[in-house]
Amino acid sequence: MIFFDGEIYENDMCDKLLARFEDRICDTLGNCRLSAKQVMLAAEKISTDIENGAFDDMLSALDVENVSYYKQLILACLSRENLEYRLKTELGDSDGFIGLRTASLRK
């Protein structure tokens, strides 16, 4: 199962979807970039939605054992601490964002 561009595809579509990646990546890099703040706020929003059960029906429909484990794994990946660490180690502190706290972003 592959989640791409808001849709779920079967695994046999992998090569066709990968063929579309290069153009999509170039388009994204050429047209606009999200700021670290935008990404952090989006991750915070979706984490809250996940915690409140907004995706429970979709998750329970997946043919996967122990969905709650994967739900917690997703929340860990989207945590502010994890994203700040990845931002710092993978991109450096290019936006001057590291160290800002959630409270200052919720204005």
Protein backbone atom coordinates (compact mmCIF):
# COMPACT_ATOMS: atom_id res chain seq x y z
CA MET A 1 0.00 0.00 0.00
CA ILE A 2 1.34 3.41 -1.01
CA PHE A 3 0.05 6.80 0.11
CA PHE A 4 0.87 9.39 -2.56
CA ASP A 5 -0.61 12.81 -3.20
CA GLY A 6 -3.52 12.19 -0.85
CA GLU A 7 -4.49 8.86 -2.42
CA ILE A 8 -3.83 5.22 -1.53
CA TYR A 9 -2.36 3.05 -4.30
CA GLU A 10 -1.54 -0.63 -4.60
CA ASN A 11 2.13 -1.64 -4.47
CA ASP A 12 2.17 -2.49 -8.18
CA MET A 13 1.85 1.26 -8.91
CA CYS A 14 5.24 1.99 -7.29
CA ASP A 15 7.22 2.44 -10.53
CA LYS A 16 4.61 4.76 -12.06
CA LEU A 17 4.45 6.88 -8.92
CA LEU A 18 8.23 7.07 -8.60
CA ALA A 19 8.40 8.27 -12.21
CA ARG A 20 6.29 11.28 -11.19
CA PHE A 21 8.54 12.19 -8.23
CA GLU A 22 11.32 13.98 -10.07
CA ASP A 23 8.96 16.46 -11.73
CA ARG A 24 7.07 16.99 -8.48
CA ILE A 25 10.27 17.60 -6.51
CA CYS A 26 11.64 20.03 -9.11
CA ASP A 27 8.33 21.87 -9.20
CA THR A 28 8.27 22.18 -5.42
CA LEU A 29 11.87 23.36 -5.20
CA GLY A 30 11.42 25.79 -8.06
CA ASN A 31 8.18 27.40 -6.95
CA CYS A 32 8.01 27.59 -3.21
CA ARG A 33 9.35 26.24 0.01
CA LEU A 34 7.53 25.92 3.27
CA SER A 35 9.17 27.53 6.23
CA ALA A 36 10.15 25.36 9.18
CA LYS A 37 7.50 27.19 11.20
CA GLN A 38 4.77 26.21 8.71
CA VAL A 39 5.85 22.57 8.80
CA MET A 40 6.00 22.51 12.60
CA LEU A 41 2.54 24.03 12.90
CA ALA A 42 1.12 21.57 10.36
CA ALA A 43 2.69 18.62 12.20
CA GLU A 44 1.28 19.90 15.48
CA LYS A 45 -2.20 20.22 13.94
CA ILE A 46 -2.21 16.74 12.44
CA SER A 47 -0.83 15.28 15.69
CA THR A 48 -3.70 16.83 17.60
CA ASP A 49 -6.16 15.45 15.05
CA ILE A 50 -4.62 11.98 15.35
CA GLU A 51 -4.73 12.12 19.15
CA ASN A 52 -8.40 13.17 19.01
CA GLY A 53 -9.29 10.20 16.78
CA ALA A 54 -9.87 12.06 13.51
CA PHE A 55 -8.23 9.25 11.54
CA ASP A 56 -9.27 6.25 13.63
CA ASP A 57 -11.77 4.98 11.03
CA MET A 58 -9.16 5.20 8.27
CA LEU A 59 -6.50 3.53 10.41
CA SER A 60 -8.78 0.72 11.54
CA ALA A 61 -9.65 -0.03 7.90
CA LEU A 62 -6.00 -0.84 7.15
CA ASP A 63 -5.06 -4.50 7.10
CA VAL A 64 -2.47 -4.05 9.86
CA GLU A 65 -2.15 -5.64 13.26
CA ASN A 66 -1.71 -3.42 16.31
CA VAL A 67 -2.86 -0.14 14.75
CA SER A 68 -2.43 1.63 18.09
CA TYR A 69 1.33 0.92 17.95
CA TYR A 70 1.58 2.59 14.55
CA LYS A 71 -0.56 5.48 15.72
CA GLN A 72 1.89 6.10 18.57
CA LEU A 73 4.82 5.74 16.16
CA ILE A 74 3.31 8.39 13.88
CA LEU A 75 2.82 10.72 16.84
CA ALA A 76 6.45 10.20 17.88
CA CYS A 77 7.66 10.99 14.36
CA LEU A 78 5.57 14.16 14.29
CA SER A 79 6.61 15.31 17.76
CA ARG A 80 8.17 18.74 18.04
CA GLU A 81 11.32 17.29 19.60
CA ASN A 82 11.81 14.82 16.74
CA LEU A 83 11.16 17.42 14.05
CA GLU A 84 13.46 19.98 15.68
CA TYR A 85 16.21 17.36 15.89
CA ARG A 86 15.75 16.41 12.23
CA LEU A 87 15.63 20.05 11.17
CA LYS A 88 18.88 20.77 12.96
CA THR A 89 20.74 17.64 11.83
CA GLU A 90 19.45 17.46 8.26
CA LEU A 91 19.07 21.12 7.30
CA GLY A 92 20.93 23.08 9.94
CA ASP A 93 19.24 26.01 11.64
CA SER A 94 18.66 27.88 8.39
CA ASP A 95 15.41 29.49 9.48
CA GLY A 96 16.61 30.42 12.96
CA PHE A 97 13.80 28.23 14.22
CA ILE A 98 15.51 25.85 16.62
CA GLY A 99 14.61 26.64 20.18
CA LEU A 100 11.30 28.37 19.57
CA ARG A 101 8.63 26.81 21.71
CA THR A 102 5.10 25.80 20.82
CA ALA A 103 3.56 28.49 23.00
CA SER A 104 5.14 31.24 20.93
CA LEU A 105 3.78 29.71 17.72
CA ARG A 106 0.14 29.42 18.77
CA LYS A 107 -0.57 33.13 18.58
